[in-house]
């Protein structure tokens, strides 16, 4: 026999042995499956799917309750304000708040929205028009984006509301984080 033939023969034996082991191991592995023994639901329950709860719109924001927030909007022609009394954390883990974007000409753009930290998404609940809420009942949850006029949401998410080093913050603790970074009111 030539040296190449021994390796070929040896390789064939190894492959044949592995196939035999695989044939033996397959039924053994399936014997450890939790479901047929009834362990699955008792010991390894799947988490419930998240469901948003109903919420009411807050009072319309007034100038005295606005807190200027450094939301990384340098170069953009508006200033970001948080309406302090509107910030709440629901039992569904959505932090809802009203934000007021004030343009360089003094025009208010008001929106009531929510952030869901676990999903890294936001939702608009209402726009402010003529100092009254215009509800958006079927608005979808959208992924956070960190560019342009929407940059403030990503800053709210990362810096104030959904900081992973401060899990399970209450609404009061979140407000305190905003206040630590406040600026002079308008």
C-alpha atoms as a PDB file:
ATOM      1  CA  UNK A   1       0.000   0.000   0.000  1.00  0.00           C
ATOM      2  CA  UNK A   2       1.046   3.500  -0.678  1.00  0.00           C
ATOM      3  CA  UNK A   3       1.113   6.133   2.088  1.00  0.00           C
ATOM      4  CA  UNK A   4      -1.793   8.037   0.462  1.00  0.00           C
ATOM      5  CA  UNK A   5      -3.955   4.932   0.570  1.00  0.00           C
ATOM      6  CA  UNK A   6      -3.483   4.485   4.354  1.00  0.00           C
ATOM      7  CA  UNK A   7      -4.713   8.018   4.977  1.00  0.00           C
ATOM      8  CA  UNK A   8      -7.658   7.414   2.709  1.00  0.00           C
ATOM      9  CA  UNK A   9      -8.484   4.212   4.535  1.00  0.00           C
ATOM     10  CA  UNK A  10      -8.023   5.863   7.929  1.00  0.00           C
ATOM     11  CA  UNK A  11     -10.211   8.783   6.895  1.00  0.00           C
ATOM     12  CA  UNK A  12     -12.962   6.384   5.798  1.00  0.00           C
ATOM     13  CA  UNK A  13     -12.873   4.614   9.161  1.00  0.00           C
ATOM     14  CA  UNK A  14     -13.067   7.906  11.074  1.00  0.00           C
ATOM     15  CA  UNK A  15     -16.038   9.096   9.000  1.00  0.00           C
ATOM     16  CA  UNK A  16     -17.794   5.763   9.434  1.00  0.00           C
ATOM     17  CA  UNK A  17     -17.226   5.924  13.202  1.00  0.00           C
ATOM     18  CA  UNK A  18     -18.603   9.457  13.393  1.00  0.00           C
ATOM     19  CA  UNK A  19     -21.702   8.454  11.461  1.00  0.00           C
ATOM     20  CA  UNK A  20     -22.283   5.572  13.879  1.00  0.00           C
ATOM     21  CA  UNK A  21     -21.930   7.900  16.856  1.00  0.00           C
ATOM     22  CA  UNK A  22     -24.328  10.383  15.265  1.00  0.00           C
ATOM     23  CA  UNK A  23     -26.894   7.645  14.732  1.00  0.00           C
ATOM     24  CA  UNK A  24     -26.590   6.631  18.386  1.00  0.00           C
ATOM     25  CA  UNK A  25     -26.513  10.193  19.797  1.00  0.00           C
ATOM     26  CA  UNK A  26     -29.578  11.545  17.962  1.00  0.00           C
ATOM     27  CA  UNK A  27     -32.165   9.542  19.983  1.00  0.00           C
ATOM     28  CA  UNK A  28     -30.304  10.300  23.238  1.00  0.00           C
ATOM     29  CA  UNK A  29     -30.396  14.076  22.571  1.00  0.00           C
ATOM     30  CA  UNK A  30     -34.119  13.986  21.838  1.00  0.00           C
ATOM     31  CA  UNK A  31     -34.698  12.161  25.150  1.00  0.00           C
ATOM     32  CA  UNK A  32     -33.619  15.352  26.934  1.00  0.00           C
ATOM     33  CA  UNK A  33     -36.180  17.531  25.170  1.00  0.00           C
ATOM     34  CA  UNK A  34     -38.218  19.382  27.857  1.00  0.00           C
ATOM     35  CA  UNK A  35     -41.593  19.414  26.150  1.00  0.00           C
ATOM     36  CA  UNK A  36     -42.398  15.653  26.146  1.00  0.00           C
ATOM     37  CA  UNK A  37     -41.614  15.471  29.876  1.00  0.00           C
ATOM     38  CA  UNK A  38     -43.789  18.485  30.640  1.00  0.00           C
ATOM     39  CA  UNK A  39     -41.039  20.647  32.074  1.00  0.00           C
ATOM     40  CA  UNK A  40     -41.178  23.368  29.419  1.00  0.00           C
ATOM     41  CA  UNK A  41     -44.051  25.481  30.662  1.00  0.00           C
ATOM     42  CA  UNK A  42     -43.332  25.077  34.374  1.00  0.00           C
ATOM     43  CA  UNK A  43     -39.613  25.822  34.453  1.00  0.00           C
ATOM     44  CA  UNK A  44     -38.831  27.773  31.312  1.00  0.00           C
ATOM     45  CA  UNK A  45     -41.794  30.058  30.744  1.00  0.00           C
ATOM     46  CA  UNK A  46     -41.551  32.478  27.866  1.00  0.00           C
ATOM     47  CA  UNK A  47     -41.936  36.148  28.815  1.00  0.00           C
ATOM     48  CA  UNK A  48     -45.249  37.750  27.966  1.00  0.00           C
ATOM     49  CA  UNK A  49     -45.273  39.945  24.910  1.00  0.00           C
ATOM     50  CA  UNK A  50     -45.222  43.624  25.769  1.00  0.00           C
ATOM     51  CA  UNK A  51     -48.476  45.496  25.456  1.00  0.00           C
ATOM     52  CA  UNK A  52     -48.930  49.247  25.702  1.00  0.00           C
ATOM     53  CA  UNK A  53     -51.476  50.570  28.182  1.00  0.00           C
ATOM     54  CA  UNK A  54     -53.929  53.387  27.581  1.00  0.00           C
ATOM     55  CA  UNK A  55     -52.871  56.815  28.791  1.00  0.00           C
ATOM     56  CA  UNK A  56     -54.373  60.280  28.975  1.00  0.00           C
ATOM     57  CA  UNK A  57     -52.937  63.449  27.524  1.00  0.00           C
ATOM     58  CA  UNK A  58     -51.453  65.828  30.095  1.00  0.00           C
ATOM     59  CA  UNK A  59     -52.332  69.480  30.543  1.00  0.00           C
ATOM     60  CA  UNK A  60     -51.041  71.639  27.708  1.00  0.00           C
ATOM     61  CA  UNK A  61     -47.556  73.001  28.537  1.00  0.00           C
ATOM     62  CA  UNK A  62     -47.074  76.478  29.956  1.00  0.00           C
ATOM     63  CA  UNK A  63     -43.881  78.506  29.807  1.00  0.00           C
ATOM     64  CA  UNK A  64     -43.297  78.402  33.581  1.00  0.00           C
ATOM     65  CA  UNK A  65     -43.028  74.585  33.583  1.00  0.00           C
ATOM     66  CA  UNK A  66     -40.544  74.245  30.726  1.00  0.00           C
ATOM     67  CA  UNK A  67     -37.036  73.018  31.383  1.00  0.00           C
ATOM     68  CA  UNK A  68     -34.430  73.703  28.702  1.00  0.00           C
ATOM     69  CA  UNK A  69     -32.567  70.526  27.815  1.00  0.00           C
ATOM     70  CA  UNK A  70     -29.141  70.246  26.244  1.00  0.00           C
ATOM     71  CA  UNK A  71     -30.169  67.803  23.546  1.00  0.00           C
ATOM     72  CA  UNK A  72     -27.193  68.144  21.249  1.00  0.00           C
ATOM     73  CA  UNK A  73     -28.968  70.394  18.777  1.00  0.00           C
ATOM     74  CA  UNK A  74     -26.117  72.849  18.238  1.00  0.00           C
ATOM     75  CA  UNK A  75     -26.320  74.361  14.788  1.00  0.00           C
ATOM     76  CA  UNK A  76     -30.049  73.711  14.503  1.00  0.00           C
ATOM     77  CA  UNK A  77     -32.389  76.670  14.769  1.00  0.00           C
ATOM     78  CA  UNK A  78     -34.467  75.569  17.729  1.00  0.00           C
ATOM     79  CA  UNK A  79     -34.169  74.983  21.458  1.00  0.00           C
ATOM     80  CA  UNK A  80     -35.522  71.874  23.207  1.00  0.00           C
ATOM     81  CA  UNK A  81     -37.681  72.140  26.327  1.00  0.00           C
ATOM     82  CA  UNK A  82     -39.241  69.435  28.477  1.00  0.00           C
ATOM     83  CA  UNK A  83     -42.605  70.136  30.096  1.00  0.00           C
ATOM     84  CA  UNK A  84     -41.799  68.879  33.602  1.00  0.00           C
ATOM     85  CA  UNK A  85     -45.321  68.024  34.839  1.00  0.00           C
ATOM     86  CA  UNK A  86     -46.000  65.901  31.760  1.00  0.00           C
ATOM     87  CA  UNK A  87     -43.248  63.335  32.390  1.00  0.00           C
ATOM     88  CA  UNK A  88     -44.700  60.056  33.674  1.00  0.00           C
ATOM     89  CA  UNK A  89     -43.550  56.462  33.657  1.00  0.00           C
ATOM     90  CA  UNK A  90     -46.405  54.074  32.989  1.00  0.00           C
ATOM     91  CA  UNK A  91     -46.881  50.562  34.307  1.00  0.00           C
ATOM     92  CA  UNK A  92     -46.108  49.471  30.731  1.00  0.00           C
ATOM     93  CA  UNK A  93     -42.575  50.937  31.116  1.00  0.00           C
ATOM     94  CA  UNK A  94     -43.258  53.689  28.591  1.00  0.00           C
ATOM     95  CA  UNK A  95     -41.952  57.091  29.648  1.00  0.00           C
ATOM     96  CA  UNK A  96     -44.331  59.729  28.317  1.00  0.00           C
ATOM     97  CA  UNK A  97     -43.478  63.419  28.153  1.00  0.00           C
ATOM     98  CA  UNK A  98     -44.240  66.637  26.320  1.00  0.00           C
ATOM     99  CA  UNK A  99     -41.468  68.308  24.409  1.00  0.00           C
ATOM    100  CA  UNK A 100     -41.534  71.869  23.109  1.00  0.00           C
ATOM    101  CA  UNK A 101     -39.193  72.824  20.296  1.00  0.00           C
ATOM    102  CA  UNK A 102     -38.923  76.604  20.106  1.00  0.00           C
ATOM    103  CA  UNK A 103     -37.620  78.033  16.846  1.00  0.00           C
ATOM    104  CA  UNK A 104     -35.226  80.961  16.668  1.00  0.00           C
ATOM    105  CA  UNK A 105     -38.271  83.127  15.770  1.00  0.00           C
ATOM    106  CA  UNK A 106     -40.173  82.000  18.895  1.00  0.00           C
ATOM    107  CA  UNK A 107     -42.617  79.549  17.270  1.00  0.00           C
ATOM    108  CA  UNK A 108     -43.548  76.570  19.467  1.00  0.00           C
ATOM    109  CA  UNK A 109     -43.676  73.046  18.043  1.00  0.00           C
ATOM    110  CA  UNK A 110     -45.345  70.937  20.746  1.00  0.00           C
ATOM    111  CA  UNK A 111     -45.663  67.164  20.817  1.00  0.00           C
ATOM    112  CA  UNK A 112     -46.593  64.608  23.463  1.00  0.00           C
ATOM    113  CA  UNK A 113     -44.692  61.379  22.952  1.00  0.00           C
ATOM    114  CA  UNK A 114     -43.366  58.280  24.639  1.00  0.00           C
ATOM    115  CA  UNK A 115     -40.169  56.238  24.694  1.00  0.00           C
ATOM    116  CA  UNK A 116     -40.094  52.504  25.205  1.00  0.00           C
ATOM    117  CA  UNK A 117     -36.600  51.611  26.370  1.00  0.00           C
ATOM    118  CA  UNK A 118     -36.869  47.876  25.762  1.00  0.00           C
ATOM    119  CA  UNK A 119     -37.813  48.368  22.134  1.00  0.00           C
ATOM    120  CA  UNK A 120     -35.670  51.482  21.488  1.00  0.00           C
ATOM    121  CA  UNK A 121     -38.705  53.093  19.873  1.00  0.00           C
ATOM    122  CA  UNK A 122     -40.803  56.228  20.236  1.00  0.00           C
ATOM    123  CA  UNK A 123     -44.402  57.128  19.549  1.00  0.00           C
ATOM    124  CA  UNK A 124     -46.205  60.457  19.145  1.00  0.00           C
ATOM    125  CA  UNK A 125     -49.514  60.688  20.969  1.00  0.00           C
ATOM    126  CA  UNK A 126     -50.525  64.238  20.067  1.00  0.00           C
ATOM    127  CA  UNK A 127     -49.452  67.507  18.486  1.00  0.00           C
ATOM    128  CA  UNK A 128     -50.153  70.894  19.948  1.00  0.00           C
ATOM    129  CA  UNK A 129     -52.128  73.312  17.784  1.00  0.00           C
ATOM    130  CA  UNK A 130     -53.415  76.670  19.071  1.00  0.00           C
ATOM    131  CA  UNK A 131     -52.678  75.592  22.659  1.00  0.00           C
ATOM    132  CA  UNK A 132     -54.838  72.458  22.338  1.00  0.00           C
ATOM    133  CA  UNK A 133     -53.977  68.819  21.805  1.00  0.00           C
ATOM    134  CA  UNK A 134     -54.656  67.133  18.480  1.00  0.00           C
ATOM    135  CA  UNK A 135     -54.549  63.401  19.348  1.00  0.00           C
ATOM    136  CA  UNK A 136     -52.884  60.870  17.059  1.00  0.00           C
ATOM    137  CA  UNK A 137     -54.667  57.699  18.226  1.00  0.00           C
ATOM    138  CA  UNK A 138     -53.202  55.289  15.669  1.00  0.00           C
ATOM    139  CA  UNK A 139     -49.653  56.573  15.460  1.00  0.00           C
ATOM    140  CA  UNK A 140     -47.147  53.733  15.153  1.00  0.00           C
ATOM    141  CA  UNK A 141     -44.067  53.015  17.236  1.00  0.00           C
ATOM    142  CA  UNK A 142     -40.994  54.028  15.248  1.00  0.00           C
ATOM    143  CA  UNK A 143     -37.287  53.295  15.667  1.00  0.00           C
ATOM    144  CA  UNK A 144     -35.217  56.099  17.162  1.00  0.00           C
ATOM    145  CA  UNK A 145     -33.113  58.128  14.756  1.00  0.00           C
ATOM    146  CA  UNK A 146     -30.345  60.433  15.848  1.00  0.00           C
ATOM    147  CA  UNK A 147     -30.240  63.003  13.084  1.00  0.00           C
ATOM    148  CA  UNK A 148     -31.623  66.456  12.458  1.00  0.00           C
ATOM    149  CA  UNK A 149     -34.707  67.608  14.320  1.00  0.00           C
ATOM    150  CA  UNK A 150     -35.187  64.143  15.819  1.00  0.00           C
ATOM    151  CA  UNK A 151     -31.792  64.045  17.545  1.00  0.00           C
ATOM    152  CA  UNK A 152     -33.290  65.156  20.866  1.00  0.00           C
ATOM    153  CA  UNK A 153     -35.176  61.831  21.187  1.00  0.00           C
ATOM    154  CA  UNK A 154     -31.988  59.818  20.976  1.00  0.00           C
ATOM    155  CA  UNK A 155     -30.371  62.107  23.564  1.00  0.00           C
ATOM    156  CA  UNK A 156     -33.436  61.710  25.841  1.00  0.00           C
ATOM    157  CA  UNK A 157     -33.185  57.945  25.385  1.00  0.00           C
ATOM    158  CA  UNK A 158     -29.452  57.581  26.043  1.00  0.00           C
ATOM    159  CA  UNK A 159     -28.739  60.347  28.539  1.00  0.00           C
ATOM    160  CA  UNK A 160     -31.875  60.756  30.623  1.00  0.00           C
ATOM    161  CA  UNK A 161     -34.533  58.059  30.275  1.00  0.00           C
ATOM    162  CA  UNK A 162     -33.058  54.710  29.208  1.00  0.00           C
ATOM    163  CA  UNK A 163     -29.541  54.762  30.654  1.00  0.00           C
ATOM    164  CA  UNK A 164     -28.690  51.062  31.175  1.00  0.00           C
ATOM    165  CA  UNK A 165     -26.612  51.901  34.261  1.00  0.00           C
ATOM    166  CA  UNK A 166     -29.750  53.222  35.962  1.00  0.00           C
ATOM    167  CA  UNK A 167     -32.438  50.658  35.293  1.00  0.00           C
ATOM    168  CA  UNK A 168     -35.943  50.931  36.742  1.00  0.00           C
ATOM    169  CA  UNK A 169     -35.813  54.672  37.384  1.00  0.00           C
ATOM    170  CA  UNK A 170     -38.978  56.293  38.625  1.00  0.00           C
ATOM    171  CA  UNK A 171     -40.420  59.361  36.893  1.00  0.00           C
ATOM    172  CA  UNK A 172     -39.008  61.498  39.717  1.00  0.00           C
ATOM    173  CA  UNK A 173     -35.505  60.084  39.216  1.00  0.00           C
ATOM    174  CA  UNK A 174     -35.731  60.679  35.464  1.00  0.00           C
ATOM    175  CA  UNK A 175     -36.819  64.285  36.076  1.00  0.00           C
ATOM    176  CA  UNK A 176     -33.895  64.733  38.457  1.00  0.00           C
ATOM    177  CA  UNK A 177     -31.554  63.599  35.675  1.00  0.00           C
ATOM    178  CA  UNK A 178     -33.055  66.229  33.365  1.00  0.00           C
ATOM    179  CA  UNK A 179     -32.727  68.884  36.078  1.00  0.00           C
ATOM    180  CA  UNK A 180     -29.036  68.040  36.613  1.00  0.00           C
ATOM    181  CA  UNK A 181     -28.436  69.137  33.031  1.00  0.00           C
ATOM    182  CA  UNK A 182     -30.799  72.112  32.943  1.00  0.00           C
ATOM    183  CA  UNK A 183     -30.189  75.541  31.474  1.00  0.00           C
ATOM    184  CA  UNK A 184     -31.721  78.880  32.311  1.00  0.00           C
ATOM    185  CA  UNK A 185     -35.441  78.932  31.431  1.00  0.00           C
ATOM    186  CA  UNK A 186     -36.580  81.008  28.466  1.00  0.00           C
END
